[in-house]
C-alpha atoms as a PDB file:
ATOM      1  CA  MET A   1     -37.453  -2.603-119.871  1.00  0.00           C
ATOM      2  CA  SER A   2     -36.243   0.611-117.526  1.00  0.00           C
ATOM      3  CA  ILE A   3     -32.785   0.800-116.506  1.00  0.00           C
ATOM      4  CA  LEU A   4     -34.261   0.282-112.738  1.00  0.00           C
ATOM      5  CA  GLU A   5     -35.710  -2.963-114.041  1.00  0.00           C
ATOM      6  CA  ALA A   6     -32.641  -4.132-115.651  1.00  0.00           C
ATOM      7  CA  ALA A   7     -30.600  -2.967-112.355  1.00  0.00           C
ATOM      8  CA  LEU A   8     -32.946  -5.171-110.374  1.00  0.00           C
ATOM      9  CA  ARG A   9     -33.470  -8.257-112.887  1.00  0.00           C
ATOM     10  CA  ASN A  10     -31.940 -10.536-110.424  1.00  0.00           C
ATOM     11  CA  LYS A  11     -33.781  -9.848-107.621  1.00  0.00           C
ATOM     12  CA  GLU A  12     -37.097 -11.873-106.597  1.00  0.00           C
ATOM     13  CA  SER A  13     -40.166 -10.982-107.717  1.00  0.00           C
ATOM     14  CA  SER A  14     -41.350  -9.793-104.333  1.00  0.00           C
ATOM     15  CA  THR A  15     -39.441  -6.655-105.165  1.00  0.00           C
ATOM     16  CA  THR A  16     -41.757  -3.631-103.920  1.00  0.00           C
ATOM     17  CA  ASN A  17     -42.347  -0.148-105.105  1.00  0.00           C
ATOM     18  CA  LYS A  18     -40.119   1.049-102.525  1.00  0.00           C
ATOM     19  CA  GLY A  19     -37.452  -1.253-103.483  1.00  0.00           C
ATOM     20  CA  TYR A  20     -37.253   0.063-107.125  1.00  0.00           C
ATOM     21  CA  GLU A  21     -37.727   3.727-105.434  1.00  0.00           C
ATOM     22  CA  ARG A  22     -34.466   2.858-103.034  1.00  0.00           C
ATOM     23  CA  ALA A  23     -32.698   1.714-105.995  1.00  0.00           C
ATOM     24  CA  GLY A  24     -33.337   4.968-108.252  1.00  0.00           C
ATOM     25  CA  THR A  25     -32.453   7.083-105.023  1.00  0.00           C
ATOM     26  CA  ILE A  26     -29.020   5.272-105.024  1.00  0.00           C
ATOM     27  CA  LEU A  27     -28.381   6.360-108.364  1.00  0.00           C
ATOM     28  CA  THR A  28     -29.531  10.051-107.735  1.00  0.00           C
ATOM     29  CA  VAL A  29     -26.866  10.357-104.999  1.00  0.00           C
ATOM     30  CA  ALA A  30     -23.981   8.499-107.050  1.00  0.00           C
ATOM     31  CA  ARG A  31     -24.595  10.936-109.678  1.00  0.00           C
ATOM     32  CA  GLN A  32     -24.558  13.889-107.059  1.00  0.00           C
ATOM     33  CA  ILE A  33     -21.188  12.590-105.792  1.00  0.00           C
ATOM     34  CA  LEU A  34     -19.465  11.958-109.221  1.00  0.00           C
ATOM     35  CA  VAL A  35     -20.485  15.253-110.451  1.00  0.00           C
ATOM     36  CA  SER A  36     -19.367  17.317-107.354  1.00  0.00           C
ATOM     37  CA  GLU A  37     -16.558  15.433-105.966  1.00  0.00           C
ATOM     38  CA  GLY A  38     -15.565  13.191-108.861  1.00  0.00           C
ATOM     39  CA  TYR A  39     -15.002   9.638-109.580  1.00  0.00           C
ATOM     40  CA  ALA A  40     -12.407   9.167-106.633  1.00  0.00           C
ATOM     41  CA  ALA A  41     -15.108  10.153-104.098  1.00  0.00           C
ATOM     42  CA  LEU A  42     -17.627   7.594-105.559  1.00  0.00           C
ATOM     43  CA  SER A  43     -17.287   4.789-103.237  1.00  0.00           C
ATOM     44  CA  MET A  44     -20.457   2.289-102.154  1.00  0.00           C
ATOM     45  CA  ARG A  45     -19.466   3.689 -98.614  1.00  0.00           C
ATOM     46  CA  SER A  46     -20.084   7.102 -99.400  1.00  0.00           C
ATOM     47  CA  VAL A  47     -23.023   6.597-101.535  1.00  0.00           C
ATOM     48  CA  ALA A  48     -24.929   4.803 -98.284  1.00  0.00           C
ATOM     49  CA  VAL A  49     -23.819   7.768 -96.128  1.00  0.00           C
ATOM     50  CA  GLY A  50     -25.682  10.186 -98.882  1.00  0.00           C
ATOM     51  CA  ALA A  51     -28.538   7.886 -99.266  1.00  0.00           C
ATOM     52  CA  GLY A  52     -28.981   7.236 -95.425  1.00  0.00           C
ATOM     53  CA  ILE A  53     -29.302   3.841 -96.167  1.00  0.00           C
ATOM     54  CA  SER A  54     -26.706   0.990 -94.885  1.00  0.00           C
ATOM     55  CA  LEU A  55     -23.737  -0.100 -97.022  1.00  0.00           C
ATOM     56  CA  SER A  56     -25.314  -3.556 -97.072  1.00  0.00           C
ATOM     57  CA  THR A  57     -28.658  -2.071 -98.741  1.00  0.00           C
ATOM     58  CA  VAL A  58     -26.589  -0.601-101.430  1.00  0.00           C
ATOM     59  CA  GLN A  59     -24.675  -3.943-102.227  1.00  0.00           C
ATOM     60  CA  HIS A  60     -27.929  -5.518-102.246  1.00  0.00           C
ATOM     61  CA  TYR A  61     -29.213  -3.384-105.389  1.00  0.00           C
ATOM     62  CA  TYR A  62     -25.341  -2.944-106.785  1.00  0.00           C
ATOM     63  CA  PRO A  63     -23.120  -5.553-106.063  1.00  0.00           C
ATOM     64  CA  SER A  64     -20.110  -3.486-106.684  1.00  0.00           C
ATOM     65  CA  ARG A  65     -19.044  -0.134-107.445  1.00  0.00           C
ATOM     66  CA  GLU A  66     -18.449  -1.107-110.959  1.00  0.00           C
ATOM     67  CA  ALA A  67     -22.204  -2.010-111.486  1.00  0.00           C
ATOM     68  CA  LEU A  68     -23.063   1.018-109.823  1.00  0.00           C
ATOM     69  CA  ILE A  69     -21.542   3.301-112.225  1.00  0.00           C
ATOM     70  CA  GLU A  70     -22.776   0.749-115.240  1.00  0.00           C
ATOM     71  CA  ALA A  71     -26.079   1.388-113.822  1.00  0.00           C
ATOM     72  CA  LEU A  72     -25.823   5.042-113.604  1.00  0.00           C
ATOM     73  CA  LEU A  73     -24.403   5.520-116.874  1.00  0.00           C
ATOM     74  CA  LEU A  74     -27.286   3.774-118.528  1.00  0.00           C
ATOM     75  CA  GLN A  75     -29.601   5.616-116.743  1.00  0.00           C
ATOM     76  CA  THR A  76     -27.994   8.938-118.229  1.00  0.00           C
ATOM     77  CA  PHE A  77     -27.837   7.596-121.540  1.00  0.00           C
ATOM     78  CA  ASN A  78     -31.394   6.406-121.323  1.00  0.00           C
ATOM     79  CA  SER A  79     -32.623   9.728-120.207  1.00  0.00           C
ATOM     80  CA  TYR A  80     -30.822  11.989-122.416  1.00  0.00           C
ATOM     81  CA  GLN A  81     -32.107  10.013-125.513  1.00  0.00           C
ATOM     82  CA  ALA A  82     -35.905   9.947-124.029  1.00  0.00           C
ATOM     83  CA  ALA A  83     -35.359  13.670-123.954  1.00  0.00           C
ATOM     84  CA  ILE A  84     -34.162  13.973-127.419  1.00  0.00           C
ATOM     85  CA  ASP A  85     -36.951  11.673-128.595  1.00  0.00           C
ATOM     86  CA  GLN A  86     -39.235  14.028-126.984  1.00  0.00           C
ATOM     87  CA  ARG A  87     -38.416  17.008-128.553  1.00  0.00           C
ATOM     88  CA  MET A  88     -38.631  15.221-131.973  1.00  0.00           C
ATOM     89  CA  ALA A  89     -41.971  13.927-131.483  1.00  0.00           C
ATOM     90  CA  SER A  90     -43.418  17.416-130.125  1.00  0.00           C
ATOM     91  CA  LEU A  91     -42.705  18.945-133.661  1.00  0.00           C
ATOM     92  CA  GLY A  92     -44.470  16.005-135.065  1.00  0.00           C
ATOM     93  CA  ASP A  93     -44.552  16.812-138.843  1.00  0.00           C
ATOM     94  CA  GLY A  94     -43.170  20.076-138.330  1.00  0.00           C
ATOM     95  CA  SER A  95     -40.378  21.772-140.730  1.00  0.00           C
ATOM     96  CA  LYS A  96     -37.101  19.687-141.001  1.00  0.00           C
ATOM     97  CA  LEU A  97     -35.163  22.665-139.691  1.00  0.00           C
ATOM     98  CA  ASP A  98     -37.313  23.805-137.380  1.00  0.00           C
ATOM     99  CA  LEU A  99     -36.731  19.875-135.729  1.00  0.00           C
ATOM    100  CA  PHE A 100     -33.133  20.304-136.436  1.00  0.00           C
ATOM    101  CA  ASN A 101     -33.158  23.674-134.264  1.00  0.00           C
ATOM    102  CA  ALA A 102     -34.830  21.779-131.562  1.00  0.00           C
ATOM    103  CA  VAL A 103     -32.166  19.385-131.462  1.00  0.00           C
ATOM    104  CA  ILE A 104     -29.144  21.464-131.315  1.00  0.00           C
ATOM    105  CA  GLU A 105     -30.955  23.859-128.633  1.00  0.00           C
ATOM    106  CA  TYR A 106     -31.598  20.600-126.414  1.00  0.00           C
ATOM    107  CA  PHE A 107     -27.713  19.887-127.019  1.00  0.00           C
ATOM    108  CA  LEU A 108     -26.410  23.308-126.018  1.00  0.00           C
ATOM    109  CA  GLU A 109     -29.040  23.340-123.062  1.00  0.00           C
ATOM    110  CA  GLU A 110     -27.517  20.311-121.946  1.00  0.00           C
ATOM    111  CA  LEU A 111     -23.789  21.353-122.354  1.00  0.00           C
ATOM    112  CA  SER A 112     -24.455  24.326-120.466  1.00  0.00           C
ATOM    113  CA  ASP A 113     -26.146  22.780-117.599  1.00  0.00           C
ATOM    114  CA  GLN A 114     -23.746  22.285-114.193  1.00  0.00           C
ATOM    115  CA  VAL A 115     -24.594  18.626-113.673  1.00  0.00           C
ATOM    116  CA  SER A 116     -24.399  17.696-117.224  1.00  0.00           C
ATOM    117  CA  THR A 117     -21.262  19.365-117.833  1.00  0.00           C
ATOM    118  CA  GLY A 118     -19.622  17.865-114.331  1.00  0.00           C
ATOM    119  CA  LEU A 119     -20.983  14.360-115.746  1.00  0.00           C
ATOM    120  CA  PHE A 120     -19.701  14.723-119.283  1.00  0.00           C
ATOM    121  CA  PHE A 121     -15.990  15.587-117.853  1.00  0.00           C
ATOM    122  CA  GLU A 122     -16.138  13.099-115.454  1.00  0.00           C
ATOM    123  CA  VAL A 123     -17.211  10.051-117.665  1.00  0.00           C
ATOM    124  CA  SER A 124     -14.710  11.177-120.672  1.00  0.00           C
ATOM    125  CA  ALA A 125     -11.947  11.278-118.063  1.00  0.00           C
ATOM    126  CA  LEU A 126     -13.183   7.755-116.817  1.00  0.00           C
ATOM    127  CA  ALA A 127     -13.593   6.655-120.182  1.00  0.00           C
ATOM    128  CA  ASN A 128      -9.709   6.269-120.482  1.00  0.00           C
ATOM    129  CA  ARG A 129      -9.667   3.687-117.619  1.00  0.00           C
ATOM    130  CA  HIS A 130     -13.158   1.756-117.530  1.00  0.00           C
ATOM    131  CA  ALA A 131     -14.159  -0.251-120.122  1.00  0.00           C
ATOM    132  CA  PHE A 132     -17.444   0.158-119.801  1.00  0.00           C
ATOM    133  CA  ALA A 133     -17.593   4.165-119.634  1.00  0.00           C
ATOM    134  CA  SER A 134     -15.347   3.819-122.703  1.00  0.00           C
ATOM    135  CA  GLN A 135     -17.992   1.840-124.385  1.00  0.00           C
ATOM    136  CA  PHE A 136     -20.711   4.099-122.878  1.00  0.00           C
ATOM    137  CA  PHE A 137     -18.838   7.360-124.140  1.00  0.00           C
ATOM    138  CA  ASP A 138     -18.273   6.095-127.706  1.00  0.00           C
ATOM    139  CA  THR A 139     -22.082   4.870-127.769  1.00  0.00           C
ATOM    140  CA  MET A 140     -23.523   8.329-126.623  1.00  0.00           C
ATOM    141  CA  LEU A 141     -21.258  10.340-129.139  1.00  0.00           C
ATOM    142  CA  THR A 142     -22.243   7.876-131.990  1.00  0.00           C
ATOM    143  CA  ARG A 143     -25.681   8.147-131.176  1.00  0.00           C
ATOM    144  CA  ALA A 144     -25.658  12.336-131.284  1.00  0.00           C
ATOM    145  CA  ARG A 145     -23.905  12.351-134.256  1.00  0.00           C
ATOM    146  CA  LYS A 146     -26.078   9.764-136.052  1.00  0.00           C
ATOM    147  CA  THR A 147     -29.009  11.758-134.696  1.00  0.00           C
ATOM    148  CA  LEU A 148     -27.525  14.740-136.557  1.00  0.00           C
ATOM    149  CA  ARG A 149     -26.796  12.818-139.619  1.00  0.00           C
ATOM    150  CA  ASN A 150     -30.083  11.540-140.044  1.00  0.00           C
ATOM    151  CA  LEU A 151     -31.594  15.363-139.727  1.00  0.00           C
ATOM    152  CA  ILE A 152     -29.005  16.678-142.004  1.00  0.00           C
ATOM    153  CA  ARG A 153     -29.902  14.185-144.621  1.00  0.00           C
ATOM    154  CA  ASP A 154     -33.294  15.057-144.331  1.00  0.00           C
ATOM    155  CA  MET A 155     -32.761  18.616-144.890  1.00  0.00           C
ATOM    156  CA  VAL A 156     -30.422  18.092-147.446  1.00  0.00           C
ATOM    157  CA  PRO A 157     -31.664  14.952-149.330  1.00  0.00           C
ATOM    158  CA  SER A 158     -28.766  16.018-152.123  1.00  0.00           C
ATOM    159  CA  MET A 159     -25.813  15.814-149.872  1.00  0.00           C
ATOM    160  CA  SER A 160     -24.008  12.475-150.181  1.00  0.00           C
ATOM    161  CA  ALA A 161     -24.317   9.608-147.202  1.00  0.00           C
ATOM    162  CA  GLN A 162     -20.362  10.431-146.330  1.00  0.00           C
ATOM    163  CA  GLN A 163     -21.098  14.096-146.198  1.00  0.00           C
ATOM    164  CA  CYS A 164     -23.806  13.580-143.879  1.00  0.00           C
ATOM    165  CA  GLU A 165     -21.849  11.348-141.655  1.00  0.00           C
ATOM    166  CA  VAL A 166     -18.724  14.038-141.405  1.00  0.00           C
ATOM    167  CA  ARG A 167     -21.026  17.090-140.973  1.00  0.00           C
ATOM    168  CA  GLY A 168     -22.805  15.492-137.915  1.00  0.00           C
ATOM    169  CA  ALA A 169     -19.424  14.529-136.185  1.00  0.00           C
ATOM    170  CA  LEU A 170     -18.145  18.089-136.990  1.00  0.00           C
ATOM    171  CA  ILE A 171     -21.150  19.593-135.159  1.00  0.00           C
ATOM    172  CA  VAL A 172     -20.963  17.062-132.390  1.00  0.00           C
ATOM    173  CA  SER A 173     -17.217  17.833-132.011  1.00  0.00           C
ATOM    174  CA  GLN A 174     -18.180  21.808-132.296  1.00  0.00           C
ATOM    175  CA  MET A 175     -20.660  21.524-129.449  1.00  0.00           C
ATOM    176  CA  ILE A 176     -18.259  19.852-127.126  1.00  0.00           C
ATOM    177  CA  GLY A 177     -15.827  22.374-127.747  1.00  0.00           C
ATOM    178  CA  LEU A 178     -18.555  25.101-126.887  1.00  0.00           C
ATOM    179  CA  MET A 179     -19.213  23.381-123.514  1.00  0.00           C
ATOM    180  CA  LEU A 180     -15.918  24.695-122.575  1.00  0.00           C
ATOM    181  CA  PHE A 181     -17.092  28.495-122.676  1.00  0.00           C
ATOM    182  CA  ILE A 182     -21.135  27.903-122.238  1.00  0.00           C
ATOM    183  CA  SER A 183     -20.999  25.848-119.067  1.00  0.00           C
ATOM    184  CA  GLU A 184     -22.655  27.521-116.050  1.00  0.00           C
ATOM    185  CA  VAL A 185     -19.565  26.781-114.106  1.00  0.00           C
ATOM    186  CA  ARG A 186     -17.250  28.585-116.389  1.00  0.00           C
ATOM    187  CA  PRO A 187     -16.182  32.165-116.059  1.00  0.00           C
ATOM    188  CA  LYS A 188     -18.320  34.641-118.106  1.00  0.00           C
ATOM    189  CA  HIS A 189     -16.776  37.021-120.346  1.00  0.00           C
ATOM    190  CA  LYS A 190     -18.736  39.835-121.598  1.00  0.00           C
ATOM    191  CA  GLU A 191     -17.162  40.068-125.083  1.00  0.00           C
ATOM    192  CA  LEU A 192     -18.470  36.330-125.520  1.00  0.00           C
ATOM    193  CA  ALA A 193     -22.167  37.268-124.947  1.00  0.00           C
ATOM    194  CA  GLU A 194     -23.270  36.212-128.422  1.00  0.00           C
ATOM    195  CA  LEU A 195     -21.213  33.124-128.484  1.00  0.00           C
ATOM    196  CA  ARG A 196     -24.064  30.643-128.405  1.00  0.00           C
ATOM    197  CA  LYS A 197     -25.758  32.563-131.026  1.00  0.00           C
ATOM    198  CA  GLU A 198     -22.932  32.628-133.512  1.00  0.00           C
ATOM    199  CA  ALA A 199     -22.349  28.969-132.626  1.00  0.00           C
ATOM    200  CA  THR A 200     -25.845  28.086-133.635  1.00  0.00           C
ATOM    201  CA  ALA A 201     -25.372  29.767-136.866  1.00  0.00           C
ATOM    202  CA  ALA A 202     -22.313  28.483-137.614  1.00  0.00           C
ATOM    203  CA  ILE A 203     -23.851  24.846-136.632  1.00  0.00           C
ATOM    204  CA  MET A 204     -26.554  25.639-139.238  1.00  0.00           C
ATOM    205  CA  ARG A 205     -24.121  26.503-142.008  1.00  0.00           C
ATOM    206  CA  ILE A 206     -21.891  23.323-141.178  1.00  0.00           C
ATOM    207  CA  ALA A 207     -25.596  21.308-141.822  1.00  0.00           C
ATOM    208  CA  LEU A 208     -26.618  22.983-144.654  1.00  0.00           C
ATOM    209  CA  ALA A 209     -23.610  24.189-147.060  1.00  0.00           C
ATOM    210  CA  SER A 210     -23.281  22.502-150.408  1.00  0.00           C
END
């Protein structure tokens, strides 16, 4: 079941394709507001205005701001996971090292993207006061480190399970820290031009060091 189907699971079976499209539009507008203006600016009314629909229409699909936030976070998680799965599938039976590099490249691309960065910061702040956001944030970090843990285990079969777990967490922590420097919205410093390249090399050392 897709996120939009889940969001509409309590609606009557006569829900049209237009209805699903409208539910998706509402989530798109909500994401834009959350990223550009922050959680405080995200209200059912602001989403209605942004989507060019009535408040009652927004409430038809998402009865409350809490329901809207939950649907938005679930959609975001599904999107990120699908992108990772696609990268991994595209390499098929390629080398484990190439697969690891592809996943790291994807993570760094996302952490430099303006929208992804804005959403990450908003969700991390929201996690301190919103139970679902806290659960989502932990699930997102756990999924990322477990993906890396599994890749490390495949590359270095001799490494203990505990070492793989810790190194996966270390790499996730390092990439989150990198976001403070490589995000598109951050000031650029010429002396850090090679940061992403060096960071990738450092991540590889963490993953492979005996």
